Amino acid sequence: SLWEKGQPEAPLDLFDREHLLPLAAAAEAAAGGVASAMEADGEMLVEYPRLVANYVRILCYAASRQGAGAAANLQARVRQLQMYLAVHSHKLVLDQETTEALARLTL
């Protein structure tokens, strides 16, 4: 896996490149009321909790592997995810493990 090869940023880049979570769209929706990709694609709604859980696990792993220099980038990703979750909190139910991991990231 990419983690084992010492490339903790690679899974995050994959999420960005493939737009697995429409994090940028959520920021736009929060700022200007633009419809998000989640609203446009109801079929994917079932997958988002699992995708968020995987993203949070990747962030946790990256946090444990990165030095202080990468902390700002990681915190920006956590804030972006939090904004996404705030916009879609009425549509997403996260499991307890994901919620606890996300809480640890924000400390």
N, C-alpha and C. Protein backbone atom coordinates (compact mmCIF):
# COMPACT_ATOMS: atom_id res chain seq x y z
N SER A 1 0.83 -1.19 0.00
CA SER A 1 0.00 0.00 0.00
C SER A 1 0.88 1.25 0.00
N LEU A 2 0.27 2.35 -0.32
CA LEU A 2 1.01 3.62 -0.37
C LEU A 2 1.53 4.01 1.01
N TRP A 3 0.76 3.68 2.06
CA TRP A 3 1.21 3.99 3.42
C TRP A 3 2.48 3.26 3.74
N GLU A 4 2.50 1.97 3.43
CA GLU A 4 3.65 1.15 3.76
C GLU A 4 4.90 1.56 2.99
N LYS A 5 4.71 2.20 1.85
CA LYS A 5 5.85 2.67 1.05
C LYS A 5 6.33 4.03 1.51
N GLY A 6 5.78 4.52 2.62
CA GLY A 6 6.22 5.80 3.17
C GLY A 6 5.69 7.00 2.41
N GLN A 7 4.53 6.87 1.82
CA GLN A 7 3.92 7.96 1.06
C GLN A 7 2.56 8.32 1.66
N PRO A 8 2.53 8.88 2.87
CA PRO A 8 1.24 9.15 3.51
C PRO A 8 0.39 10.18 2.78
N GLU A 9 1.00 11.03 1.96
CA GLU A 9 0.23 12.02 1.22
C GLU A 9 -0.48 11.42 0.01
N ALA A 10 0.01 10.29 -0.49
CA ALA A 10 -0.54 9.70 -1.71
C ALA A 10 -2.03 9.35 -1.59
N PRO A 11 -2.48 8.73 -0.50
CA PRO A 11 -3.92 8.46 -0.39
C PRO A 11 -4.75 9.75 -0.35
N LEU A 12 -4.23 10.79 0.29
CA LEU A 12 -4.94 12.07 0.32
C LEU A 12 -5.01 12.67 -1.08
N ASP A 13 -3.91 12.57 -1.82
CA ASP A 13 -3.90 13.05 -3.20
C ASP A 13 -4.92 12.29 -4.05
N LEU A 14 -5.05 10.99 -3.79
CA LEU A 14 -6.02 10.18 -4.52
C LEU A 14 -7.44 10.67 -4.24
N PHE A 15 -7.75 10.97 -2.99
CA PHE A 15 -9.08 11.50 -2.65
C PHE A 15 -9.32 12.81 -3.40
N ASP A 16 -8.29 13.66 -3.45
CA ASP A 16 -8.43 14.95 -4.14
C ASP A 16 -8.61 14.75 -5.65
N ARG A 17 -7.75 13.96 -6.24
CA ARG A 17 -7.74 13.77 -7.69
C ARG A 17 -9.04 13.13 -8.19
N GLU A 18 -9.54 12.15 -7.44
CA GLU A 18 -10.75 11.43 -7.86
C GLU A 18 -12.03 12.09 -7.36
N HIS A 19 -11.90 13.17 -6.59
CA HIS A 19 -13.06 13.88 -6.03
C HIS A 19 -13.99 12.92 -5.30
N LEU A 20 -13.39 12.06 -4.48
CA LEU A 20 -14.18 11.07 -3.75
C LEU A 20 -15.10 11.72 -2.73
N LEU A 21 -14.63 12.82 -2.16
CA LEU A 21 -15.48 13.64 -1.30
C LEU A 21 -15.50 15.04 -1.89
N PRO A 22 -16.67 15.59 -2.14
CA PRO A 22 -16.74 16.92 -2.74
C PRO A 22 -16.50 18.03 -1.71
N LEU A 23 -15.29 18.03 -1.14
CA LEU A 23 -14.98 18.98 -0.07
C LEU A 23 -15.00 20.43 -0.57
N ALA A 24 -14.46 20.67 -1.75
CA ALA A 24 -14.45 22.03 -2.29
C ALA A 24 -15.87 22.52 -2.57
N ALA A 25 -16.72 21.64 -3.06
CA ALA A 25 -18.11 22.00 -3.34
C ALA A 25 -18.84 22.37 -2.06
N ALA A 26 -18.51 21.70 -0.96
CA ALA A 26 -19.14 22.01 0.32
C ALA A 26 -18.76 23.41 0.79
N ALA A 27 -17.50 23.78 0.56
CA ALA A 27 -17.05 25.12 0.94
C ALA A 27 -17.80 26.17 0.13
N GLU A 28 -17.98 25.91 -1.17
CA GLU A 28 -18.74 26.82 -2.02
C GLU A 28 -20.19 26.90 -1.59
N ALA A 29 -20.76 25.76 -1.23
CA ALA A 29 -22.16 25.75 -0.79
C ALA A 29 -22.33 26.54 0.49
N ALA A 30 -21.38 26.40 1.40
CA ALA A 30 -21.46 27.13 2.67
C ALA A 30 -21.32 28.63 2.44
N ALA A 31 -20.47 29.00 1.49
CA ALA A 31 -20.21 30.41 1.25
C ALA A 31 -21.32 31.08 0.44
N GLY A 32 -21.80 30.39 -0.59
CA GLY A 32 -22.74 31.06 -1.47
C GLY A 32 -24.03 30.35 -1.73
N GLY A 33 -24.28 29.26 -1.05
CA GLY A 33 -25.53 28.56 -1.25
C GLY A 33 -25.60 27.75 -2.53
N VAL A 34 -24.47 27.47 -3.14
CA VAL A 34 -24.44 26.68 -4.37
C VAL A 34 -24.77 25.24 -4.02
N ALA A 35 -25.53 24.58 -4.86
CA ALA A 35 -25.87 23.18 -4.62
C ALA A 35 -24.60 22.34 -4.65
N SER A 36 -24.47 21.46 -3.69
CA SER A 36 -23.27 20.64 -3.61
C SER A 36 -23.42 19.37 -4.43
N ALA A 37 -22.29 18.72 -4.64
CA ALA A 37 -22.30 17.45 -5.38
C ALA A 37 -23.12 16.40 -4.63
N MET A 38 -23.14 16.50 -3.31
CA MET A 38 -23.89 15.52 -2.53
C MET A 38 -25.38 15.65 -2.84
N GLU A 39 -25.86 16.86 -2.97
CA GLU A 39 -27.26 17.06 -3.27
C GLU A 39 -27.58 16.63 -4.69
N ALA A 40 -26.63 16.80 -5.60
CA ALA A 40 -26.85 16.45 -6.99
C ALA A 40 -26.79 14.95 -7.22
N ASP A 41 -26.08 14.21 -6.38
CA ASP A 41 -25.87 12.79 -6.61
C ASP A 41 -26.37 11.99 -5.41
N GLY A 42 -27.67 11.77 -5.37
CA GLY A 42 -28.28 11.06 -4.26
C GLY A 42 -27.85 9.61 -4.15
N GLU A 43 -27.46 9.01 -5.28
CA GLU A 43 -27.02 7.62 -5.26
C GLU A 43 -25.74 7.44 -4.43
N MET A 44 -24.89 8.43 -4.43
CA MET A 44 -23.64 8.35 -3.69
C MET A 44 -23.83 8.61 -2.20
N LEU A 45 -24.98 9.11 -1.83
CA LEU A 45 -25.24 9.45 -0.43
C LEU A 45 -24.96 8.29 0.51
N VAL A 46 -25.23 7.09 0.09
CA VAL A 46 -25.01 5.91 0.92
C VAL A 46 -23.52 5.66 1.14
N GLU A 47 -22.70 6.06 0.19
CA GLU A 47 -21.26 5.81 0.26
C GLU A 47 -20.50 6.86 1.07
N TYR A 48 -21.06 8.03 1.23
CA TYR A 48 -20.32 9.11 1.88
C TYR A 48 -19.87 8.79 3.31
N PRO A 49 -20.68 8.17 4.17
CA PRO A 49 -20.18 7.85 5.51
C PRO A 49 -18.93 6.96 5.48
N ARG A 50 -18.92 5.99 4.57
CA ARG A 50 -17.74 5.11 4.45
C ARG A 50 -16.54 5.88 3.90
N LEU A 51 -16.79 6.75 2.93
CA LEU A 51 -15.71 7.57 2.38
C LEU A 51 -15.14 8.52 3.43
N VAL A 52 -16.02 9.12 4.22
CA VAL A 52 -15.56 10.01 5.29
C VAL A 52 -14.74 9.23 6.30
N ALA A 53 -15.19 8.03 6.66
CA ALA A 53 -14.45 7.20 7.61
C ALA A 53 -13.06 6.87 7.08
N ASN A 54 -12.97 6.52 5.81
CA ASN A 54 -11.66 6.23 5.22
C ASN A 54 -10.78 7.47 5.18
N TYR A 55 -11.37 8.60 4.84
CA TYR A 55 -10.61 9.85 4.79
C TYR A 55 -10.07 10.22 6.17
N VAL A 56 -10.90 10.05 7.19
CA VAL A 56 -10.47 10.35 8.56
C VAL A 56 -9.33 9.41 8.99
N ARG A 57 -9.43 8.13 8.63
CA ARG A 57 -8.34 7.19 8.94
C ARG A 57 -7.05 7.59 8.25
N ILE A 58 -7.16 8.03 7.01
CA ILE A 58 -5.97 8.49 6.28
C ILE A 58 -5.39 9.72 6.95
N LEU A 59 -6.23 10.65 7.35
CA LEU A 59 -5.75 11.85 8.04
C LEU A 59 -5.05 11.49 9.35
N CYS A 60 -5.62 10.54 10.09
CA CYS A 60 -5.00 10.11 11.35
C CYS A 60 -3.63 9.50 11.08
N TYR A 61 -3.55 8.67 10.07
CA TYR A 61 -2.28 8.04 9.73
C TYR A 61 -1.26 9.10 9.31
N ALA A 62 -1.70 10.03 8.47
CA ALA A 62 -0.80 11.09 8.02
C ALA A 62 -0.34 11.93 9.20
N ALA A 63 -1.23 12.20 10.15
CA ALA A 63 -0.85 12.98 11.33
C ALA A 63 0.20 12.27 12.16
N SER A 64 0.13 10.95 12.21
CA SER A 64 1.10 10.20 13.01
C SER A 64 2.45 10.10 12.32
N ARG A 65 2.49 10.33 11.01
CA ARG A 65 3.72 10.17 10.23
C ARG A 65 4.39 11.48 9.85
N GLN A 66 3.64 12.57 9.88
CA GLN A 66 4.18 13.83 9.38
C GLN A 66 4.83 14.62 10.49
N GLY A 67 5.81 15.40 10.09
CA GLY A 67 6.49 16.29 11.02
C GLY A 67 5.71 17.58 11.19
N ALA A 68 6.29 18.48 11.94
CA ALA A 68 5.64 19.75 12.25
C ALA A 68 5.41 20.59 11.01
N GLY A 69 6.27 20.46 10.01
CA GLY A 69 6.14 21.26 8.80
C GLY A 69 4.88 20.98 8.02
N ALA A 70 4.39 19.77 8.08
CA ALA A 70 3.19 19.39 7.33
C ALA A 70 1.91 19.56 8.16
N ALA A 71 2.05 19.98 9.40
CA ALA A 71 0.89 20.11 10.28
C ALA A 71 -0.12 21.12 9.77
N ALA A 72 0.35 22.20 9.18
CA ALA A 72 -0.57 23.23 8.67
C ALA A 72 -1.44 22.67 7.55
N ASN A 73 -0.84 21.91 6.66
CA ASN A 73 -1.59 21.29 5.56
C ASN A 73 -2.63 20.31 6.10
N LEU A 74 -2.22 19.53 7.07
CA LEU A 74 -3.14 18.56 7.67
C LEU A 74 -4.30 19.27 8.37
N GLN A 75 -4.00 20.33 9.12
CA GLN A 75 -5.06 21.07 9.80
C GLN A 75 -6.02 21.71 8.80
N ALA A 76 -5.50 22.16 7.66
CA ALA A 76 -6.37 22.73 6.63
C ALA A 76 -7.32 21.67 6.09
N ARG A 77 -6.81 20.45 5.91
CA ARG A 77 -7.66 19.35 5.44
C ARG A 77 -8.73 19.00 6.48
N VAL A 78 -8.35 19.01 7.75
CA VAL A 78 -9.31 18.71 8.82
C VAL A 78 -10.40 19.78 8.85
N ARG A 79 -10.01 21.05 8.74
CA ARG A 79 -11.01 22.13 8.73
C ARG A 79 -11.94 22.01 7.52
N GLN A 80 -11.38 21.66 6.37
CA GLN A 80 -12.19 21.49 5.17
C GLN A 80 -13.20 20.35 5.36
N LEU A 81 -12.75 19.27 5.95
CA LEU A 81 -13.65 18.14 6.23
C LEU A 81 -14.73 18.56 7.23
N GLN A 82 -14.35 19.31 8.26
CA GLN A 82 -15.33 19.76 9.25
C GLN A 82 -16.40 20.64 8.60
N MET A 83 -15.98 21.50 7.66
CA MET A 83 -16.94 22.35 6.97
C MET A 83 -17.89 21.48 6.13
N TYR A 84 -17.33 20.50 5.46
CA TYR A 84 -18.14 19.58 4.66
C TYR A 84 -19.17 18.88 5.55
N LEU A 85 -18.72 18.39 6.70
CA LEU A 85 -19.62 17.69 7.61
C LEU A 85 -20.67 18.62 8.19
N ALA A 86 -20.31 19.87 8.45
CA ALA A 86 -21.27 20.83 8.99
C ALA A 86 -22.38 21.11 7.98
N VAL A 87 -22.00 21.23 6.71
CA VAL A 87 -22.98 21.50 5.66
C VAL A 87 -23.93 20.31 5.48
N HIS A 88 -23.39 19.09 5.66
CA HIS A 88 -24.17 17.89 5.36
C HIS A 88 -24.51 17.07 6.60
N SER A 89 -24.46 17.67 7.76
CA SER A 89 -24.70 16.92 9.00
C SER A 89 -26.09 16.30 9.05
N HIS A 90 -27.04 16.90 8.40
CA HIS A 90 -28.40 16.35 8.40
C HIS A 90 -28.55 15.16 7.47
N LYS A 91 -27.53 14.86 6.65
CA LYS A 91 -27.61 13.75 5.70
C LYS A 91 -26.65 12.61 6.02
N LEU A 92 -25.69 12.87 6.87
CA LEU A 92 -24.66 11.87 7.16
C LEU A 92 -24.73 11.41 8.60
N VAL A 93 -24.57 10.12 8.79
CA VAL A 93 -24.44 9.56 10.13
C VAL A 93 -23.11 8.82 10.15
N LEU A 94 -22.20 9.30 10.99
CA LEU A 94 -20.88 8.69 11.10
C LEU A 94 -20.86 7.72 12.27
N ASP A 95 -20.08 6.67 12.13
CA ASP A 95 -19.97 5.72 13.23
C ASP A 95 -19.13 6.33 14.36
N GLN A 96 -19.20 5.72 15.51
CA GLN A 96 -18.53 6.25 16.70
C GLN A 96 -17.02 6.31 16.52
N GLU A 97 -16.44 5.30 15.90
CA GLU A 97 -15.00 5.26 15.69
C GLU A 97 -14.53 6.45 14.84
N THR A 98 -15.27 6.76 13.80
CA THR A 98 -14.93 7.90 12.93
C THR A 98 -15.07 9.21 13.68
N THR A 99 -16.14 9.33 14.43
CA THR A 99 -16.36 10.55 15.20
C THR A 99 -15.26 10.78 16.22
N GLU A 100 -14.86 9.73 16.92
CA GLU A 100 -13.79 9.85 17.90
C GLU A 100 -12.45 10.18 17.24
N ALA A 101 -12.16 9.55 16.10
CA ALA A 101 -10.91 9.83 15.39
C ALA A 101 -10.88 11.26 14.92
N LEU A 102 -11.99 11.75 14.42
CA LEU A 102 -12.05 13.15 13.96
C LEU A 102 -11.86 14.10 15.13
N ALA A 103 -12.43 13.77 16.27
CA ALA A 103 -12.25 14.60 17.47
C ALA A 103 -10.79 14.65 17.89
N ARG A 104 -10.10 13.51 17.81
CA ARG A 104 -8.67 13.50 18.15
C ARG A 104 -7.86 14.36 17.19
N LEU A 105 -8.25 14.38 15.94
CA LEU A 105 -7.54 15.20 14.96
C LEU A 105 -7.66 16.69 15.24
N THR A 106 -8.78 17.09 15.81
CA THR A 106 -9.01 18.50 16.03
C THR A 106 -8.36 19.03 17.31
N LEU A 107 -7.84 18.15 18.12
CA LEU A 107 -7.19 18.57 19.37
C LEU A 107 -5.82 19.12 19.12
